[in-house]
Amino acid sequence: MRGLSLSVEPASISVPPGANGAGKTTLQEAPSGVAPQASGAIALSGEAIEGLRPGARARWGLAHVEQGRTVFRALTTHENLHAARRDADTRHAYGLFPELEKCRDVRAGLLSGGEKQMPVIARALLMRPKAIPIDKMSASLAPMVVSQLMAAVRKLVDGGLAVLPVEQRPRLCSAPRSDRL
């Protein structure tokens, strides 16, 4: 990807356009420090972060949700949430995803695809980010689960978070209600 300029404002959802293979995932991974950056500048809240390692970028407020629903399979759902921050107050995560409360003591490896996506997003939120790229959140999930996840993302945006989703169905990100699924 060359010559790209992108600004993701607080309290907004910015969906990059493009077909599969166009570089949207790389667009997320470069600011997060997961993919190498050849040139240019990356700033978060006006502060340059391009020279920082991924962990430092996360501490500055960039919490990347990679594709693949990466949970710690042997840990419980609750332990997965605390993997982000030991001192995390998980009430916000359970408030955003009430379904997680029911499986808080279940090993994350036993959760369904949609159930796995919830603690992955919640874990990123417990880092108290300013911006959150989410890669392929709805991939292979039932429409009802996608609707729940998008409702949670909209709540986060309403709370001031900047969200950069790479989505197979970008229309979902602008839909005001679940009836657009």
C-alpha atoms as a PDB file:
ATOM      1  CA  MET A   1       0.000   0.000   0.000  1.00  0.00           C
ATOM      2  CA  ARG A   2       1.495   3.317  -1.042  1.00  0.00           C
ATOM      3  CA  GLY A   3       0.489   6.931  -0.684  1.00  0.00           C
ATOM      4  CA  LEU A   4      -2.219   6.273   1.851  1.00  0.00           C
ATOM      5  CA  SER A   5      -3.517   8.869   4.235  1.00  0.00           C
ATOM      6  CA  LEU A   6      -6.112   7.835   6.779  1.00  0.00           C
ATOM      7  CA  SER A   7      -7.634   9.597   9.725  1.00  0.00           C
ATOM      8  CA  VAL A   8      -9.928   7.828  12.170  1.00  0.00           C
ATOM      9  CA  GLU A   9     -11.696  10.304  14.388  1.00  0.00           C
ATOM     10  CA  PRO A  10     -12.803   9.652  17.977  1.00  0.00           C
ATOM     11  CA  ALA A  11     -16.397   8.444  18.300  1.00  0.00           C
ATOM     12  CA  SER A  12     -16.467   7.143  14.728  1.00  0.00           C
ATOM     13  CA  ILE A  13     -16.439   3.970  12.670  1.00  0.00           C
ATOM     14  CA  SER A  14     -14.189   4.189   9.594  1.00  0.00           C
ATOM     15  CA  VAL A  15     -14.471   1.232   7.221  1.00  0.00           C
ATOM     16  CA  PRO A  16     -11.715   0.998   4.593  1.00  0.00           C
ATOM     17  CA  PRO A  17     -13.090  -0.006   1.179  1.00  0.00           C
ATOM     18  CA  GLY A  18     -11.611  -2.649  -1.063  1.00  0.00           C
ATOM     19  CA  ALA A  19     -11.876  -6.206  -2.280  1.00  0.00           C
ATOM     20  CA  ASN A  20     -10.296  -9.197  -0.586  1.00  0.00           C
ATOM     21  CA  GLY A  21      -6.527  -8.943  -0.941  1.00  0.00           C
ATOM     22  CA  ALA A  22      -6.546  -5.160  -1.332  1.00  0.00           C
ATOM     23  CA  GLY A  23      -4.519  -4.610   1.841  1.00  0.00           C
ATOM     24  CA  LYS A  24      -7.164  -3.712   4.415  1.00  0.00           C
ATOM     25  CA  THR A  25      -5.738  -6.057   7.045  1.00  0.00           C
ATOM     26  CA  THR A  26      -2.262  -4.638   6.422  1.00  0.00           C
ATOM     27  CA  LEU A  27      -3.797  -1.192   6.863  1.00  0.00           C
ATOM     28  CA  GLN A  28      -4.714  -2.247  10.411  1.00  0.00           C
ATOM     29  CA  GLU A  29      -1.532  -4.137  11.165  1.00  0.00           C
ATOM     30  CA  ALA A  30       0.905  -1.335  10.287  1.00  0.00           C
ATOM     31  CA  PRO A  31      -0.437   1.173  12.844  1.00  0.00           C
ATOM     32  CA  SER A  32      -0.639  -1.626  15.415  1.00  0.00           C
ATOM     33  CA  GLY A  33       2.992  -2.544  14.769  1.00  0.00           C
ATOM     34  CA  VAL A  34       2.127  -6.092  13.688  1.00  0.00           C
ATOM     35  CA  ALA A  35       3.154  -5.499  10.046  1.00  0.00           C
ATOM     36  CA  PRO A  36       6.242  -3.525   9.019  1.00  0.00           C
ATOM     37  CA  GLN A  37       5.841   0.040   7.910  1.00  0.00           C
ATOM     38  CA  ALA A  38       8.050   1.131   5.007  1.00  0.00           C
ATOM     39  CA  SER A  39       7.637   4.871   5.459  1.00  0.00           C
ATOM     40  CA  GLY A  40       5.323   7.587   6.669  1.00  0.00           C
ATOM     41  CA  ALA A  41       3.965   8.601  10.026  1.00  0.00           C
ATOM     42  CA  ILE A  42       1.453   7.100  12.415  1.00  0.00           C
ATOM     43  CA  ALA A  43      -0.021   9.193  15.194  1.00  0.00           C
ATOM     44  CA  LEU A  44      -2.517   8.500  17.936  1.00  0.00           C
ATOM     45  CA  SER A  45      -4.138  11.528  19.557  1.00  0.00           C
ATOM     46  CA  GLY A  46      -1.494  13.666  17.906  1.00  0.00           C
ATOM     47  CA  GLU A  47       1.458  11.656  19.275  1.00  0.00           C
ATOM     48  CA  ALA A  48       3.812   9.801  16.912  1.00  0.00           C
ATOM     49  CA  ILE A  49       3.776   6.058  17.600  1.00  0.00           C
ATOM     50  CA  GLU A  50       5.412   4.593  14.473  1.00  0.00           C
ATOM     51  CA  GLY A  51       8.695   3.786  16.222  1.00  0.00           C
ATOM     52  CA  LEU A  52       7.061   1.932  19.106  1.00  0.00           C
ATOM     53  CA  ARG A  53       6.688  -1.823  19.513  1.00  0.00           C
ATOM     54  CA  PRO A  54       3.141  -3.274  19.446  1.00  0.00           C
ATOM     55  CA  GLY A  55       2.923  -3.492  23.258  1.00  0.00           C
ATOM     56  CA  ALA A  56       3.897   0.149  23.650  1.00  0.00           C
ATOM     57  CA  ARG A  57       1.358   1.157  21.028  1.00  0.00           C
ATOM     58  CA  ALA A  58      -1.287  -0.720  23.012  1.00  0.00           C
ATOM     59  CA  ARG A  59      -0.302   1.175  26.160  1.00  0.00           C
ATOM     60  CA  TRP A  60      -0.665   4.437  24.182  1.00  0.00           C
ATOM     61  CA  GLY A  61      -4.242   3.413  23.382  1.00  0.00           C
ATOM     62  CA  LEU A  62      -4.289   1.269  20.240  1.00  0.00           C
ATOM     63  CA  ALA A  63      -5.880  -2.120  20.974  1.00  0.00           C
ATOM     64  CA  HIS A  64      -5.835  -4.321  17.848  1.00  0.00           C
ATOM     65  CA  VAL A  65      -8.367  -7.168  17.552  1.00  0.00           C
ATOM     66  CA  GLU A  66      -6.809  -9.518  15.019  1.00  0.00           C
ATOM     67  CA  GLN A  67      -8.807 -11.957  12.964  1.00  0.00           C
ATOM     68  CA  GLY A  68      -9.100 -15.528  14.157  1.00  0.00           C
ATOM     69  CA  ARG A  69     -10.782 -15.088  17.560  1.00  0.00           C
ATOM     70  CA  THR A  70      -7.563 -15.674  19.476  1.00  0.00           C
ATOM     71  CA  VAL A  71      -8.480 -16.716  22.979  1.00  0.00           C
ATOM     72  CA  PHE A  72      -6.308 -18.471  25.514  1.00  0.00           C
ATOM     73  CA  ARG A  73      -8.033 -21.816  25.085  1.00  0.00           C
ATOM     74  CA  ALA A  74      -7.073 -23.373  28.428  1.00  0.00           C
ATOM     75  CA  LEU A  75      -8.114 -20.295  30.442  1.00  0.00           C
ATOM     76  CA  THR A  76     -11.675 -19.543  31.454  1.00  0.00           C
ATOM     77  CA  THR A  77     -13.542 -16.676  29.855  1.00  0.00           C
ATOM     78  CA  HIS A  78     -12.987 -14.606  32.992  1.00  0.00           C
ATOM     79  CA  GLU A  79      -9.269 -15.413  33.017  1.00  0.00           C
ATOM     80  CA  ASN A  80      -9.077 -14.401  29.343  1.00  0.00           C
ATOM     81  CA  LEU A  81     -10.433 -10.983  30.273  1.00  0.00           C
ATOM     82  CA  HIS A  82      -7.841 -10.611  33.022  1.00  0.00           C
ATOM     83  CA  ALA A  83      -5.087 -11.535  30.553  1.00  0.00           C
ATOM     84  CA  ALA A  84      -5.394  -7.971  29.243  1.00  0.00           C
ATOM     85  CA  ARG A  85      -4.951  -6.377  32.650  1.00  0.00           C
ATOM     86  CA  ARG A  86      -4.692  -8.130  35.975  1.00  0.00           C
ATOM     87  CA  ASP A  87      -6.277  -5.156  37.683  1.00  0.00           C
ATOM     88  CA  ALA A  88      -9.078  -4.953  35.105  1.00  0.00           C
ATOM     89  CA  ASP A  89     -12.568  -4.118  36.238  1.00  0.00           C
ATOM     90  CA  THR A  90     -14.491  -6.626  34.136  1.00  0.00           C
ATOM     91  CA  ARG A  91     -17.927  -5.168  34.928  1.00  0.00           C
ATOM     92  CA  HIS A  92     -17.792  -3.053  31.764  1.00  0.00           C
ATOM     93  CA  ALA A  93     -16.958  -6.124  29.654  1.00  0.00           C
ATOM     94  CA  TYR A  94     -19.803  -8.137  31.156  1.00  0.00           C
ATOM     95  CA  GLY A  95     -22.129  -5.158  30.774  1.00  0.00           C
ATOM     96  CA  LEU A  96     -21.257  -4.851  27.105  1.00  0.00           C
ATOM     97  CA  PHE A  97     -21.509  -8.600  26.504  1.00  0.00           C
ATOM     98  CA  PRO A  98     -23.974 -10.033  29.071  1.00  0.00           C
ATOM     99  CA  GLU A  99     -23.650 -13.447  27.400  1.00  0.00           C
ATOM    100  CA  LEU A 100     -20.110 -13.680  28.777  1.00  0.00           C
ATOM    101  CA  GLU A 101     -21.371 -13.685  32.353  1.00  0.00           C
ATOM    102  CA  LYS A 102     -23.040 -17.060  31.705  1.00  0.00           C
ATOM    103  CA  CYS A 103     -19.777 -18.602  30.518  1.00  0.00           C
ATOM    104  CA  ARG A 104     -17.299 -16.789  32.763  1.00  0.00           C
ATOM    105  CA  ASP A 105     -16.061 -20.103  34.259  1.00  0.00           C
ATOM    106  CA  VAL A 106     -16.029 -22.013  30.956  1.00  0.00           C
ATOM    107  CA  ARG A 107     -12.680 -22.677  29.273  1.00  0.00           C
ATOM    108  CA  ALA A 108     -12.470 -20.342  26.292  1.00  0.00           C
ATOM    109  CA  GLY A 109     -11.499 -23.162  23.959  1.00  0.00           C
ATOM    110  CA  LEU A 110     -14.979 -24.626  24.441  1.00  0.00           C
ATOM    111  CA  LEU A 111     -16.833 -21.462  23.388  1.00  0.00           C
ATOM    112  CA  SER A 112     -18.596 -21.106  20.042  1.00  0.00           C
ATOM    113  CA  GLY A 113     -17.165 -18.758  17.407  1.00  0.00           C
ATOM    114  CA  GLY A 114     -19.381 -15.856  18.446  1.00  0.00           C
ATOM    115  CA  GLU A 115     -18.768 -16.498  22.120  1.00  0.00           C
ATOM    116  CA  LYS A 116     -15.006 -16.405  21.429  1.00  0.00           C
ATOM    117  CA  GLN A 117     -15.243 -13.094  19.588  1.00  0.00           C
ATOM    118  CA  MET A 118     -16.865 -11.403  22.585  1.00  0.00           C
ATOM    119  CA  PRO A 119     -14.011 -11.939  25.086  1.00  0.00           C
ATOM    120  CA  VAL A 120     -11.467 -11.061  22.380  1.00  0.00           C
ATOM    121  CA  ILE A 121     -13.112  -7.668  21.851  1.00  0.00           C
ATOM    122  CA  ALA A 122     -13.756  -7.236  25.587  1.00  0.00           C
ATOM    123  CA  ARG A 123     -10.120  -8.047  26.361  1.00  0.00           C
ATOM    124  CA  ALA A 124      -9.014  -5.298  23.973  1.00  0.00           C
ATOM    125  CA  LEU A 125     -11.419  -2.864  25.618  1.00  0.00           C
ATOM    126  CA  LEU A 126     -10.013  -3.585  29.055  1.00  0.00           C
ATOM    127  CA  MET A 127      -6.780  -2.009  27.782  1.00  0.00           C
ATOM    128  CA  ARG A 128      -8.737   1.298  27.804  1.00  0.00           C
ATOM    129  CA  PRO A 129      -7.971   2.108  24.159  1.00  0.00           C
ATOM    130  CA  LYS A 130      -8.568   5.312  22.241  1.00  0.00           C
ATOM    131  CA  ALA A 131      -8.753   3.423  18.944  1.00  0.00           C
ATOM    132  CA  ILE A 132      -9.461  -0.181  18.083  1.00  0.00           C
ATOM    133  CA  PRO A 133      -8.957  -1.852  14.705  1.00  0.00           C
ATOM    134  CA  ILE A 134     -11.146  -4.972  14.474  1.00  0.00           C
ATOM    135  CA  ASP A 135     -10.319  -7.442  11.699  1.00  0.00           C
ATOM    136  CA  LYS A 136     -13.123  -9.515  10.149  1.00  0.00           C
ATOM    137  CA  MET A 137     -15.335  -9.448  13.221  1.00  0.00           C
ATOM    138  CA  SER A 138     -18.357 -11.044  11.538  1.00  0.00           C
ATOM    139  CA  ALA A 139     -16.563 -13.762   9.559  1.00  0.00           C
ATOM    140  CA  SER A 140     -18.440 -17.079   9.733  1.00  0.00           C
ATOM    141  CA  LEU A 141     -20.789 -15.930  12.490  1.00  0.00           C
ATOM    142  CA  ALA A 142     -24.568 -16.238  12.652  1.00  0.00           C
ATOM    143  CA  PRO A 143     -26.498 -13.040  11.844  1.00  0.00           C
ATOM    144  CA  MET A 144     -27.827 -12.821  15.416  1.00  0.00           C
ATOM    145  CA  VAL A 145     -24.299 -12.907  16.859  1.00  0.00           C
ATOM    146  CA  VAL A 146     -23.093 -10.329  14.331  1.00  0.00           C
ATOM    147  CA  SER A 147     -25.988  -8.097  15.348  1.00  0.00           C
ATOM    148  CA  GLN A 148     -24.972  -8.390  19.032  1.00  0.00           C
ATOM    149  CA  LEU A 149     -21.339  -7.608  18.234  1.00  0.00           C
ATOM    150  CA  MET A 150     -22.228  -4.591  16.075  1.00  0.00           C
ATOM    151  CA  ALA A 151     -24.560  -3.258  18.787  1.00  0.00           C
ATOM    152  CA  ALA A 152     -21.655  -3.465  21.236  1.00  0.00           C
ATOM    153  CA  VAL A 153     -19.318  -1.705  18.786  1.00  0.00           C
ATOM    154  CA  ARG A 154     -21.856   1.093  18.328  1.00  0.00           C
ATOM    155  CA  LYS A 155     -22.021   1.550  22.110  1.00  0.00           C
ATOM    156  CA  LEU A 156     -18.247   1.876  22.170  1.00  0.00           C
ATOM    157  CA  VAL A 157     -18.316   4.476  19.419  1.00  0.00           C
ATOM    158  CA  ASP A 158     -21.044   6.367  21.278  1.00  0.00           C
ATOM    159  CA  GLY A 159     -18.653   6.343  24.237  1.00  0.00           C
ATOM    160  CA  GLY A 160     -15.930   8.064  22.189  1.00  0.00           C
ATOM    161  CA  LEU A 161     -13.899   5.161  20.816  1.00  0.00           C
ATOM    162  CA  ALA A 162     -12.516   5.274  17.261  1.00  0.00           C
ATOM    163  CA  VAL A 163     -13.135   1.967  15.458  1.00  0.00           C
ATOM    164  CA  LEU A 164     -11.445   0.816  12.258  1.00  0.00           C
ATOM    165  CA  PRO A 165     -13.143  -2.430  11.210  1.00  0.00           C
ATOM    166  CA  VAL A 166     -12.142  -4.589   8.282  1.00  0.00           C
ATOM    167  CA  GLU A 167     -15.428  -6.182   7.454  1.00  0.00           C
ATOM    168  CA  GLN A 168     -16.605  -8.583   4.759  1.00  0.00           C
ATOM    169  CA  ARG A 169     -19.963  -6.826   4.801  1.00  0.00           C
ATOM    170  CA  PRO A 170     -19.081  -3.149   5.392  1.00  0.00           C
ATOM    171  CA  ARG A 171     -22.735  -2.140   5.264  1.00  0.00           C
ATOM    172  CA  LEU A 172     -23.129  -3.738   8.690  1.00  0.00           C
ATOM    173  CA  CYS A 173     -20.956  -1.041  10.194  1.00  0.00           C
ATOM    174  CA  SER A 174     -23.265   1.736   9.064  1.00  0.00           C
ATOM    175  CA  ALA A 175     -26.550  -0.062   9.719  1.00  0.00           C
ATOM    176  CA  PRO A 176     -28.463   1.604  12.554  1.00  0.00           C
ATOM    177  CA  ARG A 177     -30.323  -1.606  13.377  1.00  0.00           C
ATOM    178  CA  SER A 178     -29.912  -5.353  12.989  1.00  0.00           C
ATOM    179  CA  ASP A 179     -32.592  -5.464  10.259  1.00  0.00           C
ATOM    180  CA  ARG A 180     -29.920  -4.798   7.630  1.00  0.00           C
ATOM    181  CA  LEU A 181     -28.311  -8.207   8.103  1.00  0.00           C
END
